[in-house]
PDB file of N, CA and C in Angstrom:
ATOM      1  N   UNK A   1      -5.904  -4.828 -16.595  1.00  0.00           N
ATOM      2  CA  UNK A   1      -7.003  -4.379 -15.770  1.00  0.00           C
ATOM      3  C   UNK A   1      -7.911  -3.446 -16.566  1.00  0.00           C
ATOM      4  N   UNK A   2      -7.339  -2.649 -17.414  1.00  0.00           N
ATOM      5  CA  UNK A   2      -8.138  -1.673 -18.160  1.00  0.00           C
ATOM      6  C   UNK A   2      -9.160  -2.329 -19.073  1.00  0.00           C
ATOM      7  N   UNK A   3      -8.940  -3.578 -19.434  1.00  0.00           N
ATOM      8  CA  UNK A   3      -9.906  -4.281 -20.270  1.00  0.00           C
ATOM      9  C   UNK A   3     -11.188  -4.597 -19.509  1.00  0.00           C
ATOM     10  N   UNK A   4     -11.093  -4.661 -18.193  1.00  0.00           N
ATOM     11  CA  UNK A   4     -12.226  -5.087 -17.377  1.00  0.00           C
ATOM     12  C   UNK A   4     -12.993  -3.944 -16.725  1.00  0.00           C
ATOM     13  N   UNK A   5     -12.409  -2.759 -16.676  1.00  0.00           N
ATOM     14  CA  UNK A   5     -13.077  -1.654 -15.985  1.00  0.00           C
ATOM     15  C   UNK A   5     -14.057  -0.965 -16.924  1.00  0.00           C
ATOM     16  N   UNK A   6     -15.045  -0.256 -16.370  1.00  0.00           N
ATOM     17  CA  UNK A   6     -16.026   0.443 -17.210  1.00  0.00           C
ATOM     18  C   UNK A   6     -15.347   1.442 -18.163  1.00  0.00           C
ATOM     19  N   UNK A   7     -15.962   1.659 -19.296  1.00  0.00           N
ATOM     20  CA  UNK A   7     -15.402   2.524 -20.342  1.00  0.00           C
ATOM     21  C   UNK A   7     -15.070   3.918 -19.834  1.00  0.00           C
ATOM     22  N   UNK A   8     -15.937   4.510 -19.042  1.00  0.00           N
ATOM     23  CA  UNK A   8     -15.676   5.861 -18.527  1.00  0.00           C
ATOM     24  C   UNK A   8     -14.455   5.885 -17.613  1.00  0.00           C
ATOM     25  N   UNK A   9     -14.262   4.845 -16.841  1.00  0.00           N
ATOM     26  CA  UNK A   9     -13.083   4.759 -15.967  1.00  0.00           C
ATOM     27  C   UNK A   9     -11.820   4.629 -16.825  1.00  0.00           C
ATOM     28  N   UNK A  10     -11.911   3.800 -17.860  1.00  0.00           N
ATOM     29  CA  UNK A  10     -10.786   3.608 -18.770  1.00  0.00           C
ATOM     30  C   UNK A  10     -10.410   4.929 -19.430  1.00  0.00           C
ATOM     31  N   UNK A  11     -11.408   5.693 -19.855  1.00  0.00           N
ATOM     32  CA  UNK A  11     -11.179   6.995 -20.491  1.00  0.00           C
ATOM     33  C   UNK A  11     -10.542   7.973 -19.507  1.00  0.00           C
ATOM     34  N   UNK A  12     -11.013   7.986 -18.268  1.00  0.00           N
ATOM     35  CA  UNK A  12     -10.428   8.841 -17.242  1.00  0.00           C
ATOM     36  C   UNK A  12      -8.945   8.529 -17.063  1.00  0.00           C
ATOM     37  N   UNK A  13      -8.597   7.246 -16.977  1.00  0.00           N
ATOM     38  CA  UNK A  13      -7.200   6.852 -16.805  1.00  0.00           C
ATOM     39  C   UNK A  13      -6.359   7.251 -18.015  1.00  0.00           C
ATOM     40  N   UNK A  14      -6.933   7.144 -19.203  1.00  0.00           N
ATOM     41  CA  UNK A  14      -6.207   7.542 -20.410  1.00  0.00           C
ATOM     42  C   UNK A  14      -5.886   9.030 -20.375  1.00  0.00           C
ATOM     43  N   UNK A  15      -6.862   9.841 -20.028  1.00  0.00           N
ATOM     44  CA  UNK A  15      -6.665  11.292 -19.956  1.00  0.00           C
ATOM     45  C   UNK A  15      -5.691  11.648 -18.834  1.00  0.00           C
ATOM     46  N   UNK A  16      -5.887  11.050 -17.655  1.00  0.00           N
ATOM     47  CA  UNK A  16      -5.031  11.351 -16.503  1.00  0.00           C
ATOM     48  C   UNK A  16      -3.577  10.974 -16.769  1.00  0.00           C
ATOM     49  N   UNK A  17      -3.353   9.913 -17.535  1.00  0.00           N
ATOM     50  CA  UNK A  17      -1.978   9.483 -17.809  1.00  0.00           C
ATOM     51  C   UNK A  17      -1.227  10.479 -18.685  1.00  0.00           C
ATOM     52  N   UNK A  18      -1.948  11.340 -19.386  1.00  0.00           N
ATOM     53  CA  UNK A  18      -1.312  12.342 -20.250  1.00  0.00           C
ATOM     54  C   UNK A  18      -1.028  13.652 -19.518  1.00  0.00           C
ATOM     55  N   UNK A  19      -1.566  13.821 -18.331  1.00  0.00           N
ATOM     56  CA  UNK A  19      -1.372  15.039 -17.559  1.00  0.00           C
ATOM     57  C   UNK A  19      -0.059  14.983 -16.795  1.00  0.00           C
ATOM     58  N   UNK A  20       0.516  16.151 -16.491  1.00  0.00           N
ATOM     59  CA  UNK A  20       1.728  16.139 -15.662  1.00  0.00           C
ATOM     60  C   UNK A  20       1.374  15.643 -14.257  1.00  0.00           C
ATOM     61  N   UNK A  21       2.358  15.097 -13.575  1.00  0.00           N
ATOM     62  CA  UNK A  21       2.091  14.578 -12.241  1.00  0.00           C
ATOM     63  C   UNK A  21       1.828  15.722 -11.269  1.00  0.00           C
ATOM     64  N   UNK A  22       1.018  15.443 -10.285  1.00  0.00           N
ATOM     65  CA  UNK A  22       0.722  16.433  -9.249  1.00  0.00           C
ATOM     66  C   UNK A  22       1.995  16.787  -8.496  1.00  0.00           C
ATOM     67  N   UNK A  23       2.808  15.786  -8.207  1.00  0.00           N
ATOM     68  CA  UNK A  23       4.064  16.021  -7.496  1.00  0.00           C
ATOM     69  C   UNK A  23       4.958  16.990  -8.268  1.00  0.00           C
ATOM     70  N   UNK A  24       5.037  16.821  -9.588  1.00  0.00           N
ATOM     71  CA  UNK A  24       5.838  17.725 -10.420  1.00  0.00           C
ATOM     72  C   UNK A  24       5.290  19.140 -10.347  1.00  0.00           C
ATOM     73  N   UNK A  25       3.973  19.266 -10.437  1.00  0.00           N
ATOM     74  CA  UNK A  25       3.343  20.585 -10.364  1.00  0.00           C
ATOM     75  C   UNK A  25       3.663  21.267  -9.031  1.00  0.00           C
ATOM     76  N   UNK A  26       3.525  20.523  -7.943  1.00  0.00           N
ATOM     77  CA  UNK A  26       3.792  21.083  -6.620  1.00  0.00           C
ATOM     78  C   UNK A  26       5.274  21.441  -6.488  1.00  0.00           C
ATOM     79  N   UNK A  27       6.145  20.568  -6.970  1.00  0.00           N
ATOM     80  CA  UNK A  27       7.589  20.824  -6.888  1.00  0.00           C
ATOM     81  C   UNK A  27       7.979  22.069  -7.676  1.00  0.00           C
ATOM     82  N   UNK A  28       7.281  22.316  -8.778  1.00  0.00           N
ATOM     83  CA  UNK A  28       7.574  23.498  -9.595  1.00  0.00           C
ATOM     84  C   UNK A  28       7.008  24.779  -8.988  1.00  0.00           C
ATOM     85  N   UNK A  29       6.205  24.649  -7.938  1.00  0.00           N
ATOM     86  CA  UNK A  29       5.593  25.801  -7.286  1.00  0.00           C
ATOM     87  C   UNK A  29       5.976  25.864  -5.811  1.00  0.00           C
ATOM     88  N   UNK A  30       7.259  25.677  -5.550  1.00  0.00           N
ATOM     89  CA  UNK A  30       7.774  25.664  -4.178  1.00  0.00           C
ATOM     90  C   UNK A  30       7.512  26.971  -3.434  1.00  0.00           C
ATOM     91  N   UNK A  31       7.327  28.055  -4.156  1.00  0.00           N
ATOM     92  CA  UNK A  31       7.109  29.345  -3.490  1.00  0.00           C
ATOM     93  C   UNK A  31       5.698  29.459  -2.901  1.00  0.00           C
ATOM     94  N   UNK A  32       4.803  28.571  -3.293  1.00  0.00           N
ATOM     95  CA  UNK A  32       3.429  28.595  -2.788  1.00  0.00           C
ATOM     96  C   UNK A  32       3.356  27.732  -1.517  1.00  0.00           C
ATOM     97  N   UNK A  33       3.542  28.380  -0.371  1.00  0.00           N
ATOM     98  CA  UNK A  33       3.590  27.659   0.911  1.00  0.00           C
ATOM     99  C   UNK A  33       2.284  26.917   1.204  1.00  0.00           C
ATOM    100  N   UNK A  34       1.149  27.510   0.850  1.00  0.00           N
ATOM    101  CA  UNK A  34      -0.140  26.843   1.099  1.00  0.00           C
ATOM    102  C   UNK A  34      -0.260  25.561   0.277  1.00  0.00           C
ATOM    103  N   UNK A  35       0.201  25.614  -0.959  1.00  0.00           N
ATOM    104  CA  UNK A  35       0.159  24.434  -1.828  1.00  0.00           C
ATOM    105  C   UNK A  35       1.055  23.333  -1.264  1.00  0.00           C
ATOM    106  N   UNK A  36       2.263  23.699  -0.864  1.00  0.00           N
ATOM    107  CA  UNK A  36       3.192  22.717  -0.291  1.00  0.00           C
ATOM    108  C   UNK A  36       2.604  22.098   0.973  1.00  0.00           C
ATOM    109  N   UNK A  37       2.029  22.949   1.820  1.00  0.00           N
ATOM    110  CA  UNK A  37       1.445  22.446   3.068  1.00  0.00           C
ATOM    111  C   UNK A  37       0.268  21.508   2.779  1.00  0.00           C
ATOM    112  N   UNK A  38      -0.588  21.864   1.830  1.00  0.00           N
ATOM    113  CA  UNK A  38      -1.730  21.016   1.486  1.00  0.00           C
ATOM    114  C   UNK A  38      -1.251  19.676   0.913  1.00  0.00           C
ATOM    115  N   UNK A  39      -0.267  19.737   0.030  1.00  0.00           N
ATOM    116  CA  UNK A  39       0.279  18.517  -0.577  1.00  0.00           C
ATOM    117  C   UNK A  39       0.888  17.616   0.492  1.00  0.00           C
ATOM    118  N   UNK A  40       1.718  18.199   1.361  1.00  0.00           N
ATOM    119  CA  UNK A  40       2.351  17.413   2.418  1.00  0.00           C
ATOM    120  C   UNK A  40       1.323  16.809   3.373  1.00  0.00           C
ATOM    121  N   UNK A  41       0.260  17.549   3.643  1.00  0.00           N
ATOM    122  CA  UNK A  41      -0.801  17.035   4.502  1.00  0.00           C
ATOM    123  C   UNK A  41      -1.492  15.840   3.841  1.00  0.00           C
ATOM    124  N   UNK A  42      -1.731  15.942   2.547  1.00  0.00           N
ATOM    125  CA  UNK A  42      -2.340  14.827   1.814  1.00  0.00           C
ATOM    126  C   UNK A  42      -1.429  13.608   1.823  1.00  0.00           C
ATOM    127  N   UNK A  43      -0.134  13.823   1.626  1.00  0.00           N
ATOM    128  CA  UNK A  43       0.815  12.708   1.632  1.00  0.00           C
ATOM    129  C   UNK A  43       0.876  12.052   3.011  1.00  0.00           C
ATOM    130  N   UNK A  44       0.793  12.862   4.052  1.00  0.00           N
ATOM    131  CA  UNK A  44       0.794  12.326   5.413  1.00  0.00           C
ATOM    132  C   UNK A  44      -0.438  11.443   5.631  1.00  0.00           C
ATOM    133  N   UNK A  45      -1.584  11.897   5.173  1.00  0.00           N
ATOM    134  CA  UNK A  45      -2.812  11.116   5.321  1.00  0.00           C
ATOM    135  C   UNK A  45      -2.759   9.838   4.478  1.00  0.00           C
ATOM    136  N   UNK A  46      -2.197   9.938   3.278  1.00  0.00           N
ATOM    137  CA  UNK A  46      -2.070   8.758   2.421  1.00  0.00           C
ATOM    138  C   UNK A  46      -1.141   7.731   3.062  1.00  0.00           C
ATOM    139  N   UNK A  47      -0.043   8.191   3.641  1.00  0.00           N
ATOM    140  CA  UNK A  47       0.875   7.287   4.329  1.00  0.00           C
ATOM    141  C   UNK A  47       0.178   6.606   5.510  1.00  0.00           C
ATOM    142  N   UNK A  48      -0.622   7.367   6.240  1.00  0.00           N
ATOM    143  CA  UNK A  48      -1.377   6.806   7.357  1.00  0.00           C
ATOM    144  C   UNK A  48      -2.356   5.745   6.867  1.00  0.00           C
ATOM    145  N   UNK A  49      -3.051   6.033   5.769  1.00  0.00           N
ATOM    146  CA  UNK A  49      -3.997   5.069   5.199  1.00  0.00           C
ATOM    147  C   UNK A  49      -3.260   3.804   4.769  1.00  0.00           C
ATOM    148  N   UNK A  50      -2.097   3.977   4.148  1.00  0.00           N
ATOM    149  CA  UNK A  50      -1.338   2.810   3.695  1.00  0.00           C
ATOM    150  C   UNK A  50      -0.863   1.967   4.874  1.00  0.00           C
ATOM    151  N   UNK A  51      -0.523   2.590   5.984  1.00  0.00           N
ATOM    152  CA  UNK A  51      -0.148   1.828   7.188  1.00  0.00           C
ATOM    153  C   UNK A  51      -1.337   1.030   7.698  1.00  0.00           C
ATOM    154  N   UNK A  52      -2.505   1.648   7.703  1.00  0.00           N
ATOM    155  CA  UNK A  52      -3.719   0.931   8.136  1.00  0.00           C
ATOM    156  C   UNK A  52      -4.045  -0.201   7.168  1.00  0.00           C
ATOM    157  N   UNK A  53      -3.813   0.020   5.883  1.00  0.00           N
ATOM    158  CA  UNK A  53      -4.055  -1.005   4.873  1.00  0.00           C
ATOM    159  C   UNK A  53      -3.155  -2.217   5.128  1.00  0.00           C
ATOM    160  N   UNK A  54      -1.888  -1.977   5.459  1.00  0.00           N
ATOM    161  CA  UNK A  54      -0.969  -3.068   5.771  1.00  0.00           C
ATOM    162  C   UNK A  54      -1.496  -3.861   6.968  1.00  0.00           C
ATOM    163  N   UNK A  55      -1.980  -3.157   7.976  1.00  0.00           N
ATOM    164  CA  UNK A  55      -2.512  -3.831   9.167  1.00  0.00           C
ATOM    165  C   UNK A  55      -3.721  -4.697   8.818  1.00  0.00           C
ATOM    166  N   UNK A  56      -4.601  -4.190   7.977  1.00  0.00           N
ATOM    167  CA  UNK A  56      -5.794  -4.950   7.582  1.00  0.00           C
ATOM    168  C   UNK A  56      -5.395  -6.167   6.753  1.00  0.00           C
ATOM    169  N   UNK A  57      -4.487  -5.981   5.805  1.00  0.00           N
ATOM    170  CA  UNK A  57      -4.023  -7.098   4.982  1.00  0.00           C
ATOM    171  C   UNK A  57      -3.364  -8.162   5.863  1.00  0.00           C
ATOM    172  N   UNK A  58      -2.561  -7.718   6.804  1.00  0.00           N
ATOM    173  CA  UNK A  58      -1.901  -8.668   7.705  1.00  0.00           C
ATOM    174  C   UNK A  58      -2.919  -9.444   8.532  1.00  0.00           C
ATOM    175  N   UNK A  59      -3.887  -8.735   9.070  1.00  0.00           N
ATOM    176  CA  UNK A  59      -4.873  -9.372   9.948  1.00  0.00           C
ATOM    177  C   UNK A  59      -5.830 -10.298   9.201  1.00  0.00           C
ATOM    178  N   UNK A  60      -6.311  -9.862   8.046  1.00  0.00           N
ATOM    179  CA  UNK A  60      -7.367 -10.615   7.374  1.00  0.00           C
ATOM    180  C   UNK A  60      -6.916 -11.451   6.184  1.00  0.00           C
ATOM    181  N   UNK A  61      -5.670 -11.302   5.747  1.00  0.00           N
ATOM    182  CA  UNK A  61      -5.185 -12.110   4.627  1.00  0.00           C
ATOM    183  C   UNK A  61      -3.963 -12.924   5.024  1.00  0.00           C
ATOM    184  N   UNK A  62      -2.920 -12.237   5.480  1.00  0.00           N
ATOM    185  CA  UNK A  62      -1.658 -12.925   5.775  1.00  0.00           C
ATOM    186  C   UNK A  62      -1.814 -13.925   6.922  1.00  0.00           C
ATOM    187  N   UNK A  63      -2.312 -13.469   8.044  1.00  0.00           N
ATOM    188  CA  UNK A  63      -2.413 -14.349   9.219  1.00  0.00           C
ATOM    189  C   UNK A  63      -3.350 -15.532   8.975  1.00  0.00           C
ATOM    190  N   UNK A  64      -4.558 -15.326   8.433  1.00  0.00           N
ATOM    191  CA  UNK A  64      -5.405 -16.490   8.175  1.00  0.00           C
ATOM    192  C   UNK A  64      -4.785 -17.472   7.174  1.00  0.00           C
ATOM    193  N   UNK A  65      -4.087 -16.939   6.160  1.00  0.00           N
ATOM    194  CA  UNK A  65      -3.434 -17.824   5.194  1.00  0.00           C
ATOM    195  C   UNK A  65      -2.354 -18.645   5.883  1.00  0.00           C
ATOM    196  N   UNK A  66      -1.588 -18.012   6.748  1.00  0.00           N
ATOM    197  CA  UNK A  66      -0.543 -18.722   7.485  1.00  0.00           C
ATOM    198  C   UNK A  66      -1.142 -19.762   8.422  1.00  0.00           C
ATOM    199  N   UNK A  67      -2.174 -19.370   9.135  1.00  0.00           N
ATOM    200  CA  UNK A  67      -2.800 -20.311  10.060  1.00  0.00           C
ATOM    201  C   UNK A  67      -3.330 -21.525   9.317  1.00  0.00           C
ATOM    202  N   UNK A  68      -3.967 -21.289   8.189  1.00  0.00           N
ATOM    203  CA  UNK A  68      -4.523 -22.387   7.412  1.00  0.00           C
ATOM    204  C   UNK A  68      -3.422 -23.285   6.862  1.00  0.00           C
ATOM    205  N   UNK A  69      -2.377 -22.679   6.332  1.00  0.00           N
ATOM    206  CA  UNK A  69      -1.284 -23.453   5.734  1.00  0.00           C
ATOM    207  C   UNK A  69      -0.451 -24.171   6.782  1.00  0.00           C
ATOM    208  N   UNK A  70       0.069 -23.438   7.736  1.00  0.00           N
ATOM    209  CA  UNK A  70       0.947 -24.042   8.744  1.00  0.00           C
ATOM    210  C   UNK A  70       0.194 -24.975   9.673  1.00  0.00           C
ATOM    211  N   UNK A  71      -0.992 -24.581  10.074  1.00  0.00           N
ATOM    212  CA  UNK A  71      -1.770 -25.415  10.987  1.00  0.00           C
ATOM    213  C   UNK A  71      -2.152 -26.743  10.356  1.00  0.00           C
ATOM    214  N   UNK A  72      -2.572 -26.690   9.104  1.00  0.00           N
ATOM    215  CA  UNK A  72      -2.976 -27.920   8.426  1.00  0.00           C
ATOM    216  C   UNK A  72      -1.774 -28.814   8.140  1.00  0.00           C
ATOM    217  N   UNK A  73      -0.659 -28.215   7.732  1.00  0.00           N
ATOM    218  CA  UNK A  73       0.528 -28.995   7.399  1.00  0.00           C
ATOM    219  C   UNK A  73       1.172 -29.615   8.643  1.00  0.00           C
ATOM    220  N   UNK A  74       1.168 -28.877   9.725  1.00  0.00           N
ATOM    221  CA  UNK A  74       1.886 -29.321  10.912  1.00  0.00           C
ATOM    222  C   UNK A  74       1.000 -29.887  12.010  1.00  0.00           C
ATOM    223  N   UNK A  75      -0.313 -29.874  11.803  1.00  0.00           N
ATOM    224  CA  UNK A  75      -1.211 -30.345  12.826  1.00  0.00           C
ATOM    225  C   UNK A  75      -1.153 -29.508  14.087  1.00  0.00           C
ATOM    226  N   UNK A  76      -0.821 -28.238  13.941  1.00  0.00           N
ATOM    227  CA  UNK A  76      -0.677 -27.330  15.078  1.00  0.00           C
ATOM    228  C   UNK A  76      -2.024 -26.690  15.379  1.00  0.00           C
ATOM    229  N   UNK A  77      -2.325 -26.569  16.636  1.00  0.00           N
ATOM    230  CA  UNK A  77      -3.571 -25.920  17.006  1.00  0.00           C
ATOM    231  C   UNK A  77      -3.512 -24.448  16.636  1.00  0.00           C
ATOM    232  N   UNK A  78      -4.660 -23.866  16.343  1.00  0.00           N
ATOM    233  CA  UNK A  78      -4.725 -22.458  15.940  1.00  0.00           C
ATOM    234  C   UNK A  78      -4.172 -21.539  17.015  1.00  0.00           C
ATOM    235  N   UNK A  79      -4.466 -21.816  18.281  1.00  0.00           N
ATOM    236  CA  UNK A  79      -4.003 -20.975  19.383  1.00  0.00           C
ATOM    237  C   UNK A  79      -2.467 -20.952  19.436  1.00  0.00           C
ATOM    238  N   UNK A  80      -1.857 -22.128  19.372  1.00  0.00           N
ATOM    239  CA  UNK A  80      -0.400 -22.220  19.422  1.00  0.00           C
ATOM    240  C   UNK A  80       0.211 -21.540  18.192  1.00  0.00           C
ATOM    241  N   UNK A  81      -0.387 -21.736  17.040  1.00  0.00           N
ATOM    242  CA  UNK A  81       0.126 -21.143  15.803  1.00  0.00           C
ATOM    243  C   UNK A  81       0.054 -19.625  15.853  1.00  0.00           C
ATOM    244  N   UNK A  82      -1.007 -19.077  16.425  1.00  0.00           N
ATOM    245  CA  UNK A  82      -1.140 -17.624  16.533  1.00  0.00           C
ATOM    246  C   UNK A  82       0.020 -17.049  17.331  1.00  0.00           C
ATOM    247  N   UNK A  83       0.402 -17.707  18.414  1.00  0.00           N
ATOM    248  CA  UNK A  83       1.519 -17.212  19.222  1.00  0.00           C
ATOM    249  C   UNK A  83       2.823 -17.268  18.440  1.00  0.00           C
ATOM    250  N   UNK A  84       3.020 -18.303  17.638  1.00  0.00           N
ATOM    251  CA  UNK A  84       4.274 -18.442  16.904  1.00  0.00           C
ATOM    252  C   UNK A  84       4.357 -17.470  15.727  1.00  0.00           C
ATOM    253  N   UNK A  85       3.248 -16.868  15.365  1.00  0.00           N
ATOM    254  CA  UNK A  85       3.232 -15.933  14.235  1.00  0.00           C
ATOM    255  C   UNK A  85       3.294 -14.478  14.671  1.00  0.00           C
ATOM    256  N   UNK A  86       3.516 -14.234  15.937  1.00  0.00           N
ATOM    257  CA  UNK A  86       3.522 -12.858  16.446  1.00  0.00           C
ATOM    258  C   UNK A  86       4.410 -11.925  15.630  1.00  0.00           C
ATOM    259  N   UNK A  87       5.595 -12.365  15.275  1.00  0.00           N
ATOM    260  CA  UNK A  87       6.536 -11.519  14.555  1.00  0.00           C
ATOM    261  C   UNK A  87       6.576 -11.826  13.067  1.00  0.00           C
ATOM    262  N   UNK A  88       5.684 -12.677  12.585  1.00  0.00           N
ATOM    263  CA  UNK A  88       5.676 -13.074  11.186  1.00  0.00           C
ATOM    264  C   UNK A  88       5.144 -11.940  10.321  1.00  0.00           C
ATOM    265  N   UNK A  89       5.864 -11.573   9.284  1.00  0.00           N
ATOM    266  CA  UNK A  89       5.480 -10.446   8.438  1.00  0.00           C
ATOM    267  C   UNK A  89       4.893 -10.879   7.100  1.00  0.00           C
ATOM    268  N   UNK A  90       4.856 -12.145   6.764  1.00  0.00           N
ATOM    269  CA  UNK A  90       4.245 -12.599   5.522  1.00  0.00           C
ATOM    270  C   UNK A  90       5.054 -12.264   4.285  1.00  0.00           C
ATOM    271  N   UNK A  91       6.367 -12.293   4.387  1.00  0.00           N
ATOM    272  CA  UNK A  91       7.222 -11.872   3.288  1.00  0.00           C
ATOM    273  C   UNK A  91       7.011 -12.664   1.998  1.00  0.00           C
ATOM    274  N   UNK A  92       6.740 -13.966   2.071  1.00  0.00           N
ATOM    275  CA  UNK A  92       6.686 -14.738   0.847  1.00  0.00           C
ATOM    276  C   UNK A  92       5.300 -14.831   0.219  1.00  0.00           C
ATOM    277  N   UNK A  93       4.267 -14.341   0.880  1.00  0.00           N
ATOM    278  CA  UNK A  93       2.948 -14.333   0.262  1.00  0.00           C
ATOM    279  C   UNK A  93       2.950 -13.354  -0.900  1.00  0.00           C
ATOM    280  N   UNK A  94       2.241 -13.719  -1.969  1.00  0.00           N
ATOM    281  CA  UNK A  94       2.235 -12.884  -3.164  1.00  0.00           C
ATOM    282  C   UNK A  94       0.922 -12.137  -3.311  1.00  0.00           C
ATOM    283  N   UNK A  95       1.031 -10.909  -3.824  1.00  0.00           N
ATOM    284  CA  UNK A  95      -0.141 -10.111  -4.135  1.00  0.00           C
ATOM    285  C   UNK A  95      -0.688 -10.511  -5.500  1.00  0.00           C
ATOM    286  N   UNK A  96      -1.728  -9.842  -5.935  1.00  0.00           N
ATOM    287  CA  UNK A  96      -2.369 -10.191  -7.203  1.00  0.00           C
ATOM    288  C   UNK A  96      -1.445  -9.996  -8.397  1.00  0.00           C
ATOM    289  N   UNK A  97      -0.456  -9.113  -8.284  1.00  0.00           N
ATOM    290  CA  UNK A  97       0.491  -8.893  -9.377  1.00  0.00           C
ATOM    291  C   UNK A  97       1.701  -9.795  -9.302  1.00  0.00           C
ATOM    292  N   UNK A  98       1.737 -10.701  -8.333  1.00  0.00           N
ATOM    293  CA  UNK A  98       2.847 -11.620  -8.198  1.00  0.00           C
ATOM    294  C   UNK A  98       3.987 -11.082  -7.343  1.00  0.00           C
ATOM    295  N   UNK A  99       3.844  -9.867  -6.835  1.00  0.00           N
ATOM    296  CA  UNK A  99       4.896  -9.301  -5.993  1.00  0.00           C
ATOM    297  C   UNK A  99       4.754  -9.833  -4.570  1.00  0.00           C
ATOM    298  N   UNK A 100       5.837  -9.733  -3.809  1.00  0.00           N
ATOM    299  CA  UNK A 100       5.785 -10.120  -2.400  1.00  0.00           C
ATOM    300  C   UNK A 100       4.848  -9.143  -1.700  1.00  0.00           C
ATOM    301  N   UNK A 101       3.788  -9.639  -1.127  1.00  0.00           N
ATOM    302  CA  UNK A 101       2.674  -8.818  -0.657  1.00  0.00           C
ATOM    303  C   UNK A 101       3.052  -7.740   0.349  1.00  0.00           C
ATOM    304  N   UNK A 102       3.505  -8.107   1.504  1.00  0.00           N
ATOM    305  CA  UNK A 102       3.779  -7.128   2.558  1.00  0.00           C
ATOM    306  C   UNK A 102       4.949  -6.217   2.189  1.00  0.00           C
ATOM    307  N   UNK A 103       6.059  -6.736   1.655  1.00  0.00           N
ATOM    308  CA  UNK A 103       7.131  -5.815   1.253  1.00  0.00           C
ATOM    309  C   UNK A 103       6.671  -4.801   0.201  1.00  0.00           C
ATOM    310  N   UNK A 104       5.825  -5.217  -0.719  1.00  0.00           N
ATOM    311  CA  UNK A 104       5.306  -4.291  -1.728  1.00  0.00           C
ATOM    312  C   UNK A 104       4.490  -3.183  -1.074  1.00  0.00           C
ATOM    313  N   UNK A 105       3.616  -3.553  -0.144  1.00  0.00           N
ATOM    314  CA  UNK A 105       2.785  -2.554   0.534  1.00  0.00           C
ATOM    315  C   UNK A 105       3.643  -1.620   1.386  1.00  0.00           C
ATOM    316  N   UNK A 106       4.653  -2.165   2.048  1.00  0.00           N
ATOM    317  CA  UNK A 106       5.554  -1.322   2.849  1.00  0.00           C
ATOM    318  C   UNK A 106       6.310  -0.339   1.962  1.00  0.00           C
ATOM    319  N   UNK A 107       6.790  -0.812   0.820  1.00  0.00           N
ATOM    320  CA  UNK A 107       7.527   0.064  -0.087  1.00  0.00           C
ATOM    321  C   UNK A 107       6.635   1.207  -0.576  1.00  0.00           C
ATOM    322  N   UNK A 108       5.397   0.886  -0.941  1.00  0.00           N
ATOM    323  CA  UNK A 108       4.465   1.928  -1.383  1.00  0.00           C
ATOM    324  C   UNK A 108       4.244   2.947  -0.271  1.00  0.00           C
ATOM    325  N   UNK A 109       4.085   2.469   0.950  1.00  0.00           N
ATOM    326  CA  UNK A 109       3.894   3.376   2.080  1.00  0.00           C
ATOM    327  C   UNK A 109       5.132   4.231   2.325  1.00  0.00           C
ATOM    328  N   UNK A 110       6.288   3.588   2.323  1.00  0.00           N
ATOM    329  CA  UNK A 110       7.521   4.295   2.630  1.00  0.00           C
ATOM    330  C   UNK A 110       7.907   5.315   1.558  1.00  0.00           C
ATOM    331  N   UNK A 111       7.469   5.096   0.343  1.00  0.00           N
ATOM    332  CA  UNK A 111       7.756   6.043  -0.739  1.00  0.00           C
ATOM    333  C   UNK A 111       6.767   7.200  -0.769  1.00  0.00           C
ATOM    334  N   UNK A 112       5.758   7.159   0.074  1.00  0.00           N
ATOM    335  CA  UNK A 112       4.763   8.217   0.150  1.00  0.00           C
ATOM    336  C   UNK A 112       5.244   9.260   1.141  1.00  0.00           C
ATOM    337  N   UNK A 113       5.954  10.253   0.625  1.00  0.00           N
ATOM    338  CA  UNK A 113       6.440  11.324   1.473  1.00  0.00           C
ATOM    339  C   UNK A 113       6.148  12.654   0.804  1.00  0.00           C
ATOM    340  N   UNK A 114       6.049  13.671   1.598  1.00  0.00           N
ATOM    341  CA  UNK A 114       5.779  15.009   1.078  1.00  0.00           C
ATOM    342  C   UNK A 114       7.049  15.681   0.573  1.00  0.00           C
ATOM    343  N   UNK A 115       6.877  16.819  -0.052  1.00  0.00           N
ATOM    344  CA  UNK A 115       8.010  17.550  -0.591  1.00  0.00           C
ATOM    345  C   UNK A 115       8.885  18.130   0.516  1.00  0.00           C
ATOM    346  N   UNK A 116       8.278  18.646   1.582  1.00  0.00           N
ATOM    347  CA  UNK A 116       9.061  19.284   2.637  1.00  0.00           C
ATOM    348  C   UNK A 116       9.997  18.283   3.317  1.00  0.00           C
ATOM    349  N   UNK A 117       9.570  17.037   3.414  1.00  0.00           N
ATOM    350  CA  UNK A 117      10.413  16.053   4.085  1.00  0.00           C
ATOM    351  C   UNK A 117      11.610  15.676   3.231  1.00  0.00           C
ATOM    352  N   UNK A 118      11.622  16.069   1.970  1.00  0.00           N
ATOM    353  CA  UNK A 118      12.756  15.780   1.090  1.00  0.00           C
ATOM    354  C   UNK A 118      13.695  16.963   0.960  1.00  0.00           C
ATOM    355  N   UNK A 119      13.244  18.138   1.364  1.00  0.00           N
ATOM    356  CA  UNK A 119      14.050  19.343   1.179  1.00  0.00           C
ATOM    357  C   UNK A 119      15.122  19.437   2.248  1.00  0.00           C
TER     358      UNK A 119
END
């Protein structure tokens, strides 16, 4: 991916990759209650965003792909297919990196937790 992004973005990523992680910095400053609270609040918002992202991916990528594939293969009407997909999570669809799409997004969301929730 770095070959395709603008040079300034590539340089930013190079510099950022050499810095210590924010999580490490926050963990090393456990006595700073305001810092911990701010970090945990950010993680909570990021987790919320990731949940919304899963919903959008499911609605606009997974479900239409399933409807197109299953409906065309089985001659099933779209209405009937929508009902049969109510509990379908899209486990076998792949993301751009070849990973299982929805499980990958869920794992990223579930691993987004604040420091206080681990203590």
